[in-house]
N, C-alpha and C. Protein backbone atom coordinates (compact mmCIF):
# COMPACT_ATOMS: atom_id res chain seq x y z
N MET A 1 -6.04 3.35 36.31
CA MET A 1 -6.71 3.20 35.03
C MET A 1 -5.89 3.86 33.92
N LYS A 2 -5.34 5.06 34.20
CA LYS A 2 -4.53 5.75 33.19
C LYS A 2 -3.32 4.92 32.82
N THR A 3 -2.70 4.29 33.83
CA THR A 3 -1.53 3.46 33.57
C THR A 3 -1.90 2.28 32.68
N PHE A 4 -3.05 1.67 32.95
CA PHE A 4 -3.49 0.55 32.14
C PHE A 4 -3.71 0.96 30.68
N LEU A 5 -4.40 2.09 30.47
CA LEU A 5 -4.66 2.55 29.10
C LEU A 5 -3.38 2.93 28.38
N LEU A 6 -2.46 3.57 29.09
CA LEU A 6 -1.18 3.92 28.48
C LEU A 6 -0.40 2.67 28.11
N SER A 7 -0.42 1.67 28.98
CA SER A 7 0.26 0.41 28.70
C SER A 7 -0.36 -0.29 27.49
N LEU A 8 -1.69 -0.27 27.43
CA LEU A 8 -2.39 -0.89 26.31
C LEU A 8 -2.06 -0.19 24.99
N ALA A 9 -2.05 1.13 25.00
CA ALA A 9 -1.71 1.90 23.80
C ALA A 9 -0.28 1.61 23.36
N THR A 10 0.64 1.55 24.32
CA THR A 10 2.04 1.25 24.00
C THR A 10 2.16 -0.14 23.41
N LEU A 11 1.47 -1.10 23.99
CA LEU A 11 1.51 -2.47 23.49
C LEU A 11 0.98 -2.55 22.07
N CYS A 12 -0.12 -1.88 21.79
CA CYS A 12 -0.68 -1.87 20.44
C CYS A 12 0.31 -1.28 19.45
N PHE A 13 0.97 -0.20 19.85
CA PHE A 13 1.95 0.44 18.97
C PHE A 13 3.11 -0.49 18.68
N VAL A 14 3.63 -1.15 19.72
CA VAL A 14 4.77 -2.05 19.55
C VAL A 14 4.39 -3.25 18.70
N LEU A 15 3.22 -3.83 18.97
CA LEU A 15 2.80 -5.02 18.21
C LEU A 15 2.43 -4.71 16.78
N SER A 16 2.02 -3.48 16.52
CA SER A 16 1.59 -3.15 15.16
C SER A 16 2.75 -3.16 14.20
N GLY A 17 3.94 -2.78 14.65
CA GLY A 17 5.14 -2.84 13.81
C GLY A 17 5.05 -1.92 12.61
N PRO A 18 6.04 -2.00 11.70
CA PRO A 18 6.10 -1.08 10.58
C PRO A 18 5.02 -1.30 9.53
N ASN A 19 4.48 -2.52 9.41
CA ASN A 19 3.48 -2.77 8.38
C ASN A 19 2.11 -2.22 8.72
N ALA A 20 1.88 -1.88 9.98
CA ALA A 20 0.58 -1.31 10.35
C ALA A 20 0.37 0.01 9.64
N TYR A 21 1.43 0.75 9.41
CA TYR A 21 1.32 2.03 8.71
C TYR A 21 0.71 1.83 7.32
N SER A 22 1.17 0.79 6.63
CA SER A 22 0.74 0.60 5.25
C SER A 22 -0.75 0.31 5.14
N GLN A 23 -1.38 -0.15 6.20
CA GLN A 23 -2.78 -0.50 6.12
C GLN A 23 -3.70 0.51 6.79
N THR A 24 -3.18 1.35 7.66
CA THR A 24 -4.06 2.23 8.40
C THR A 24 -3.89 3.70 8.02
N ASP A 25 -2.68 4.22 8.08
CA ASP A 25 -2.45 5.64 7.87
C ASP A 25 -2.15 6.00 6.42
N CYS A 26 -2.05 5.03 5.56
CA CYS A 26 -1.65 5.28 4.20
C CYS A 26 -2.81 5.82 3.37
N ILE A 27 -2.48 6.50 2.28
CA ILE A 27 -3.53 7.10 1.45
C ILE A 27 -4.24 6.07 0.57
N PHE A 28 -3.60 4.92 0.34
CA PHE A 28 -4.16 3.89 -0.52
C PHE A 28 -4.62 2.69 0.28
N GLU A 29 -5.59 1.98 -0.29
CA GLU A 29 -5.89 0.65 0.23
C GLU A 29 -5.84 -0.33 -0.93
N PHE A 30 -5.26 -1.48 -0.65
CA PHE A 30 -5.11 -2.54 -1.64
C PHE A 30 -6.46 -3.24 -1.75
N THR A 31 -7.08 -3.22 -2.92
CA THR A 31 -8.43 -3.76 -3.05
C THR A 31 -8.49 -5.13 -3.71
N ASP A 32 -7.52 -5.45 -4.56
CA ASP A 32 -7.56 -6.75 -5.24
C ASP A 32 -6.21 -7.02 -5.87
N GLY A 33 -5.92 -8.28 -6.11
CA GLY A 33 -4.67 -8.62 -6.75
C GLY A 33 -4.51 -10.11 -6.93
N TYR A 34 -3.75 -10.47 -7.95
CA TYR A 34 -3.42 -11.87 -8.23
C TYR A 34 -1.93 -11.99 -8.53
N PHE A 35 -1.37 -13.10 -8.10
CA PHE A 35 0.01 -13.47 -8.40
C PHE A 35 -0.10 -14.80 -9.11
N GLU A 36 0.44 -14.89 -10.31
CA GLU A 36 0.38 -16.16 -11.04
C GLU A 36 1.77 -16.61 -11.40
N SER A 37 2.10 -17.83 -11.01
CA SER A 37 3.39 -18.43 -11.36
C SER A 37 3.11 -19.67 -12.20
N SER A 38 4.12 -20.52 -12.34
CA SER A 38 3.95 -21.72 -13.15
C SER A 38 3.00 -22.71 -12.48
N PHE A 39 2.66 -22.49 -11.22
CA PHE A 39 1.79 -23.43 -10.52
C PHE A 39 0.32 -23.03 -10.69
N SER A 40 -0.08 -21.90 -10.16
CA SER A 40 -1.47 -21.47 -10.29
C SER A 40 -1.60 -20.04 -9.79
N PRO A 41 -2.70 -19.37 -10.14
CA PRO A 41 -2.88 -18.01 -9.62
C PRO A 41 -3.23 -18.03 -8.14
N ALA A 42 -2.76 -17.03 -7.42
CA ALA A 42 -3.08 -16.88 -6.00
C ALA A 42 -3.71 -15.51 -5.81
N HIS A 43 -4.83 -15.48 -5.12
CA HIS A 43 -5.53 -14.23 -4.86
C HIS A 43 -4.88 -13.54 -3.67
N LEU A 44 -4.28 -12.38 -3.89
CA LEU A 44 -3.48 -11.72 -2.87
C LEU A 44 -4.29 -11.10 -1.75
N ILE A 45 -5.59 -11.02 -1.93
CA ILE A 45 -6.41 -10.33 -0.94
C ILE A 45 -6.71 -11.23 0.27
N HIS A 46 -6.53 -12.54 0.14
CA HIS A 46 -6.87 -13.45 1.23
C HIS A 46 -5.74 -13.55 2.25
N ASP A 47 -6.12 -13.67 3.51
CA ASP A 47 -5.11 -13.92 4.55
C ASP A 47 -4.54 -15.31 4.35
N GLY A 48 -3.26 -15.43 4.62
CA GLY A 48 -2.61 -16.74 4.51
C GLY A 48 -2.37 -17.18 3.09
N THR A 49 -2.40 -16.24 2.13
CA THR A 49 -2.13 -16.60 0.74
C THR A 49 -0.73 -17.18 0.61
N LYS A 50 -0.62 -18.30 -0.08
CA LYS A 50 0.68 -18.94 -0.28
C LYS A 50 1.12 -18.71 -1.72
N LEU A 51 2.24 -18.01 -1.86
CA LEU A 51 2.79 -17.75 -3.19
C LEU A 51 3.99 -18.66 -3.40
N ASP A 52 4.09 -19.21 -4.60
CA ASP A 52 5.27 -19.99 -4.92
C ASP A 52 5.69 -19.74 -6.35
N VAL A 53 6.96 -19.92 -6.58
CA VAL A 53 7.53 -19.67 -7.90
C VAL A 53 8.73 -20.58 -8.08
N LYS A 54 8.97 -20.96 -9.31
CA LYS A 54 10.06 -21.87 -9.62
C LYS A 54 11.29 -21.10 -10.07
N LEU A 55 12.47 -21.58 -9.69
CA LEU A 55 13.71 -20.97 -10.17
C LEU A 55 13.71 -20.92 -11.69
N ALA A 56 14.13 -19.82 -12.24
CA ALA A 56 14.18 -19.59 -13.69
C ALA A 56 12.79 -19.56 -14.30
N GLY A 57 11.75 -19.51 -13.48
CA GLY A 57 10.39 -19.39 -13.97
C GLY A 57 9.98 -17.93 -14.08
N GLU A 58 8.71 -17.70 -14.30
CA GLU A 58 8.18 -16.34 -14.41
C GLU A 58 6.96 -16.21 -13.52
N TYR A 59 6.67 -14.96 -13.14
CA TYR A 59 5.43 -14.69 -12.44
C TYR A 59 4.80 -13.44 -13.03
N TYR A 60 3.49 -13.35 -12.88
CA TYR A 60 2.70 -12.21 -13.37
C TYR A 60 1.96 -11.62 -12.17
N LEU A 61 1.69 -10.33 -12.25
CA LEU A 61 0.95 -9.66 -11.18
C LEU A 61 -0.19 -8.85 -11.76
N TRP A 62 -1.32 -8.86 -11.06
CA TRP A 62 -2.43 -7.94 -11.31
C TRP A 62 -2.70 -7.27 -9.97
N LEU A 63 -2.68 -5.96 -9.93
CA LEU A 63 -2.82 -5.22 -8.68
C LEU A 63 -3.86 -4.12 -8.84
N ASP A 64 -4.68 -3.93 -7.82
CA ASP A 64 -5.67 -2.85 -7.81
C ASP A 64 -5.61 -2.13 -6.47
N PHE A 65 -5.57 -0.80 -6.55
CA PHE A 65 -5.56 0.05 -5.36
C PHE A 65 -6.65 1.09 -5.52
N LYS A 66 -7.07 1.67 -4.40
CA LYS A 66 -7.94 2.84 -4.48
C LYS A 66 -7.53 3.84 -3.42
N VAL A 67 -7.78 5.09 -3.71
CA VAL A 67 -7.49 6.14 -2.75
C VAL A 67 -8.57 6.11 -1.69
N LYS A 68 -8.17 6.17 -0.42
CA LYS A 68 -9.16 6.18 0.65
C LYS A 68 -9.98 7.46 0.59
N GLU A 69 -11.25 7.34 0.90
CA GLU A 69 -12.17 8.48 0.78
C GLU A 69 -11.86 9.61 1.75
N ASP A 70 -11.31 9.28 2.91
CA ASP A 70 -11.08 10.32 3.92
C ASP A 70 -9.72 11.01 3.77
N VAL A 71 -9.04 10.79 2.65
CA VAL A 71 -7.73 11.40 2.44
C VAL A 71 -7.90 12.88 2.10
N VAL A 72 -7.20 13.73 2.83
CA VAL A 72 -7.29 15.17 2.58
C VAL A 72 -6.31 15.57 1.48
N ALA A 73 -5.05 15.15 1.61
CA ALA A 73 -4.03 15.49 0.62
C ALA A 73 -3.51 14.21 -0.01
N ASN A 74 -3.72 14.07 -1.28
CA ASN A 74 -3.28 12.89 -2.01
C ASN A 74 -2.03 13.24 -2.83
N PRO A 75 -0.85 12.80 -2.42
CA PRO A 75 0.38 13.13 -3.15
C PRO A 75 0.46 12.46 -4.52
N CYS A 76 -0.47 11.54 -4.81
CA CYS A 76 -0.49 10.87 -6.11
C CYS A 76 -1.62 11.40 -7.00
N SER A 77 -2.17 12.54 -6.65
CA SER A 77 -3.30 13.12 -7.38
C SER A 77 -2.91 13.45 -8.82
N ILE A 78 -3.92 13.43 -9.71
CA ILE A 78 -3.67 13.78 -11.11
C ILE A 78 -3.26 15.24 -11.25
N ARG A 79 -3.48 16.03 -10.22
CA ARG A 79 -3.08 17.44 -10.25
C ARG A 79 -1.64 17.65 -9.80
N GLU A 80 -1.00 16.61 -9.29
CA GLU A 80 0.38 16.73 -8.81
C GLU A 80 1.36 16.76 -9.98
N GLU A 81 2.39 17.56 -9.83
CA GLU A 81 3.41 17.65 -10.87
C GLU A 81 4.26 16.39 -10.93
N GLN A 82 4.69 15.90 -9.77
CA GLN A 82 5.50 14.69 -9.71
C GLN A 82 4.61 13.47 -9.51
N PRO A 83 4.78 12.43 -10.31
CA PRO A 83 3.94 11.23 -10.17
C PRO A 83 4.43 10.35 -9.03
N CYS A 84 3.60 9.42 -8.64
CA CYS A 84 3.98 8.34 -7.73
C CYS A 84 4.45 7.16 -8.58
N ARG A 85 5.02 6.18 -7.91
CA ARG A 85 5.47 4.97 -8.61
C ARG A 85 4.99 3.75 -7.84
N VAL A 86 4.56 2.74 -8.58
CA VAL A 86 4.29 1.45 -7.94
C VAL A 86 5.49 0.56 -8.23
N ILE A 87 6.01 -0.05 -7.19
CA ILE A 87 7.20 -0.90 -7.31
C ILE A 87 6.83 -2.28 -6.78
N HIS A 88 7.22 -3.31 -7.49
CA HIS A 88 7.07 -4.66 -6.97
C HIS A 88 8.42 -5.35 -7.07
N GLN A 89 8.75 -6.10 -6.06
CA GLN A 89 10.04 -6.77 -6.05
C GLN A 89 9.94 -8.10 -5.31
N ILE A 90 10.76 -9.03 -5.74
CA ILE A 90 11.03 -10.22 -4.95
C ILE A 90 12.33 -9.90 -4.21
N VAL A 91 12.30 -10.02 -2.90
CA VAL A 91 13.47 -9.70 -2.08
C VAL A 91 13.74 -10.83 -1.10
N GLN A 92 14.98 -10.89 -0.65
CA GLN A 92 15.32 -11.75 0.47
C GLN A 92 15.64 -10.86 1.66
N LYS A 93 15.11 -11.21 2.81
CA LYS A 93 15.39 -10.46 4.03
C LYS A 93 16.43 -11.22 4.83
N ASN A 94 17.51 -10.51 5.20
CA ASN A 94 18.51 -11.16 6.03
C ASN A 94 18.16 -10.99 7.50
N SER A 95 18.97 -11.55 8.38
CA SER A 95 18.66 -11.54 9.81
C SER A 95 18.60 -10.14 10.39
N GLY A 96 19.27 -9.16 9.75
CA GLY A 96 19.24 -7.79 10.22
C GLY A 96 18.03 -7.02 9.72
N GLY A 97 17.19 -7.66 8.90
CA GLY A 97 16.00 -7.00 8.38
C GLY A 97 16.24 -6.28 7.07
N ASN A 98 17.49 -6.28 6.58
CA ASN A 98 17.78 -5.63 5.30
C ASN A 98 17.25 -6.47 4.15
N GLU A 99 16.84 -5.79 3.08
CA GLU A 99 16.30 -6.48 1.92
C GLU A 99 17.32 -6.52 0.80
N ILE A 100 17.46 -7.69 0.21
CA ILE A 100 18.36 -7.87 -0.93
C ILE A 100 17.49 -8.09 -2.16
N TYR A 101 17.63 -7.23 -3.15
CA TYR A 101 16.82 -7.30 -4.37
C TYR A 101 17.11 -8.59 -5.12
N VAL A 102 16.06 -9.24 -5.60
CA VAL A 102 16.20 -10.46 -6.39
C VAL A 102 15.64 -10.25 -7.80
N ALA A 103 14.41 -9.76 -7.91
CA ALA A 103 13.77 -9.57 -9.21
C ALA A 103 12.66 -8.53 -9.07
N GLY A 104 12.18 -8.03 -10.21
CA GLY A 104 11.06 -7.09 -10.19
C GLY A 104 11.45 -5.72 -10.69
N TRP A 105 10.62 -4.74 -10.39
CA TRP A 105 10.85 -3.36 -10.83
C TRP A 105 11.63 -2.60 -9.79
N LYS A 106 12.81 -2.14 -10.16
CA LYS A 106 13.60 -1.34 -9.22
C LYS A 106 13.07 0.09 -9.17
N ASN A 107 12.71 0.65 -10.31
CA ASN A 107 12.27 2.04 -10.37
C ASN A 107 10.75 2.19 -10.32
N GLY A 108 10.05 1.21 -10.82
CA GLY A 108 8.59 1.25 -10.75
C GLY A 108 7.94 1.94 -11.93
N LEU A 109 6.62 1.95 -11.91
CA LEU A 109 5.82 2.52 -12.97
C LEU A 109 5.14 3.78 -12.45
N GLU A 110 5.27 4.88 -13.17
CA GLU A 110 4.69 6.15 -12.75
C GLU A 110 3.17 6.16 -12.93
N PHE A 111 2.49 6.85 -12.02
CA PHE A 111 1.05 7.01 -12.16
C PHE A 111 0.59 8.22 -11.34
N ARG A 112 -0.58 8.72 -11.70
CA ARG A 112 -1.29 9.75 -10.93
C ARG A 112 -2.76 9.34 -10.91
N THR A 113 -3.43 9.50 -9.79
CA THR A 113 -4.84 9.12 -9.73
C THR A 113 -5.53 9.81 -8.56
N ASP A 114 -6.84 9.98 -8.68
CA ASP A 114 -7.66 10.48 -7.58
C ASP A 114 -8.67 9.43 -7.13
N GLU A 115 -8.72 8.31 -7.82
CA GLU A 115 -9.69 7.27 -7.47
C GLU A 115 -9.01 5.91 -7.41
N SER A 116 -9.27 5.08 -8.40
CA SER A 116 -8.70 3.73 -8.44
C SER A 116 -7.55 3.68 -9.41
N VAL A 117 -6.68 2.72 -9.18
CA VAL A 117 -5.58 2.50 -10.11
C VAL A 117 -5.31 1.00 -10.14
N GLY A 118 -5.11 0.48 -11.34
CA GLY A 118 -4.86 -0.95 -11.51
C GLY A 118 -3.65 -1.17 -12.39
N PHE A 119 -2.95 -2.25 -12.14
CA PHE A 119 -1.76 -2.58 -12.91
C PHE A 119 -1.80 -4.04 -13.31
N SER A 120 -1.54 -4.29 -14.58
CA SER A 120 -1.33 -5.65 -15.07
C SER A 120 0.14 -5.71 -15.44
N ILE A 121 0.91 -6.40 -14.64
CA ILE A 121 2.36 -6.37 -14.78
C ILE A 121 2.81 -7.58 -15.58
N PRO A 122 3.57 -7.36 -16.67
CA PRO A 122 3.98 -8.47 -17.52
C PRO A 122 4.90 -9.44 -16.80
N ALA A 123 5.21 -10.52 -17.48
CA ALA A 123 6.03 -11.59 -16.89
C ALA A 123 7.34 -11.05 -16.33
N THR A 124 7.66 -11.50 -15.14
CA THR A 124 8.92 -11.16 -14.49
C THR A 124 9.68 -12.46 -14.26
N SER A 125 10.91 -12.52 -14.73
CA SER A 125 11.71 -13.74 -14.60
C SER A 125 12.36 -13.83 -13.23
N VAL A 126 12.40 -15.04 -12.71
CA VAL A 126 13.04 -15.31 -11.42
C VAL A 126 14.41 -15.91 -11.71
N PRO A 127 15.49 -15.25 -11.29
CA PRO A 127 16.84 -15.75 -11.59
C PRO A 127 17.12 -17.11 -10.96
N ARG A 128 18.01 -17.86 -11.58
CA ARG A 128 18.42 -19.16 -11.02
C ARG A 128 19.16 -19.00 -9.70
N SER A 129 19.66 -17.82 -9.45
CA SER A 129 20.42 -17.56 -8.22
C SER A 129 19.53 -17.14 -7.05
N THR A 130 18.21 -17.17 -7.24
CA THR A 130 17.28 -16.75 -6.18
C THR A 130 17.43 -17.64 -4.95
N PRO A 131 17.55 -17.04 -3.78
CA PRO A 131 17.65 -17.85 -2.55
C PRO A 131 16.33 -18.56 -2.25
N PHE A 132 16.40 -19.55 -1.36
CA PHE A 132 15.22 -20.33 -1.02
C PHE A 132 14.56 -19.89 0.28
N LYS A 133 15.29 -19.16 1.13
CA LYS A 133 14.76 -18.82 2.46
C LYS A 133 14.53 -17.32 2.59
N ASN A 134 13.52 -16.97 3.39
CA ASN A 134 13.20 -15.58 3.71
C ASN A 134 12.99 -14.72 2.46
N VAL A 135 12.20 -15.24 1.53
CA VAL A 135 11.93 -14.55 0.27
C VAL A 135 10.51 -13.99 0.32
N PHE A 136 10.35 -12.74 -0.15
CA PHE A 136 9.06 -12.05 -0.07
C PHE A 136 8.76 -11.31 -1.36
N LEU A 137 7.48 -11.25 -1.70
CA LEU A 137 7.00 -10.33 -2.72
C LEU A 137 6.64 -9.04 -1.99
N VAL A 138 7.22 -7.93 -2.42
CA VAL A 138 6.96 -6.63 -1.80
C VAL A 138 6.35 -5.72 -2.85
N VAL A 139 5.21 -5.13 -2.52
CA VAL A 139 4.56 -4.14 -3.38
C VAL A 139 4.52 -2.84 -2.60
N LYS A 140 5.01 -1.76 -3.19
CA LYS A 140 4.98 -0.48 -2.51
C LYS A 140 4.69 0.65 -3.48
N ILE A 141 4.14 1.72 -2.94
CA ILE A 141 3.91 2.95 -3.69
C ILE A 141 4.81 4.01 -3.07
N VAL A 142 5.61 4.66 -3.90
CA VAL A 142 6.57 5.65 -3.41
C VAL A 142 6.47 6.94 -4.20
N LYS A 143 6.90 8.02 -3.55
CA LYS A 143 7.03 9.31 -4.21
C LYS A 143 8.19 10.04 -3.55
N ASP A 144 9.10 10.55 -4.36
CA ASP A 144 10.28 11.27 -3.85
C ASP A 144 10.99 10.46 -2.77
N ASN A 145 11.18 9.18 -3.02
CA ASN A 145 11.87 8.26 -2.10
C ASN A 145 11.15 8.09 -0.76
N LYS A 146 9.89 8.50 -0.67
CA LYS A 146 9.10 8.30 0.54
C LYS A 146 8.08 7.20 0.26
N GLU A 147 8.04 6.21 1.13
CA GLU A 147 7.12 5.09 0.97
C GLU A 147 5.74 5.47 1.47
N LEU A 148 4.75 5.44 0.57
CA LEU A 148 3.37 5.80 0.91
C LEU A 148 2.51 4.58 1.22
N PHE A 149 2.90 3.43 0.68
CA PHE A 149 2.14 2.19 0.88
C PHE A 149 3.12 1.03 0.77
N ARG A 150 2.88 -0.01 1.57
CA ARG A 150 3.73 -1.21 1.50
C ARG A 150 2.91 -2.41 1.93
N LYS A 151 3.05 -3.48 1.16
CA LYS A 151 2.42 -4.75 1.52
C LYS A 151 3.37 -5.85 1.06
N GLU A 152 3.47 -6.91 1.83
CA GLU A 152 4.38 -8.00 1.45
C GLU A 152 3.78 -9.35 1.78
N TRP A 153 4.21 -10.34 1.00
CA TRP A 153 3.76 -11.72 1.16
C TRP A 153 4.98 -12.64 1.07
N PRO A 154 5.04 -13.69 1.89
CA PRO A 154 6.13 -14.66 1.76
C PRO A 154 5.99 -15.45 0.45
N VAL A 155 7.13 -15.81 -0.13
CA VAL A 155 7.16 -16.57 -1.38
C VAL A 155 7.99 -17.83 -1.17
N ILE A 156 7.43 -18.97 -1.58
CA ILE A 156 8.18 -20.22 -1.57
C ILE A 156 8.86 -20.35 -2.93
N VAL A 157 10.17 -20.55 -2.94
CA VAL A 157 10.93 -20.71 -4.18
C VAL A 157 11.27 -22.19 -4.34
N TRP A 158 10.90 -22.74 -5.50
CA TRP A 158 11.12 -24.17 -5.78
C TRP A 158 12.28 -24.33 -6.74
N PRO A 159 13.08 -25.40 -6.56
CA PRO A 159 14.20 -25.67 -7.50
C PRO A 159 13.70 -26.16 -8.85
């Protein structure tokens, strides 16, 4: 029985992968969001959301997060000296898993909060050189180069 439970725990850990951290152990939870391109707005909270954007087009983002209630130490608290940053990027992932920046905020927007935080992000241009394959919208919250939250969605790029 112990062997079975250990195997099950190991399997869950392996299958959860790196994105499981962003949804379970992180201090924030993503509560709402929209991505709007030249086609139509997409609600980011739904599973299987399909995002698309046109080359040389623009996209807009609306994002809402809240601090989880059971968080003991919030590194993004209004009492903290150093703020956190929300970063959004369009990236291409190569076969090695490395991300190549395409568009978005490289440094991000500073914030401090103990409850909810929302962002209405102005138009972001998509370069004509944007690749068509393995493209993702990545939203992350970072502090001191440490990633506190990460969520990503595949993006279809149209010519």
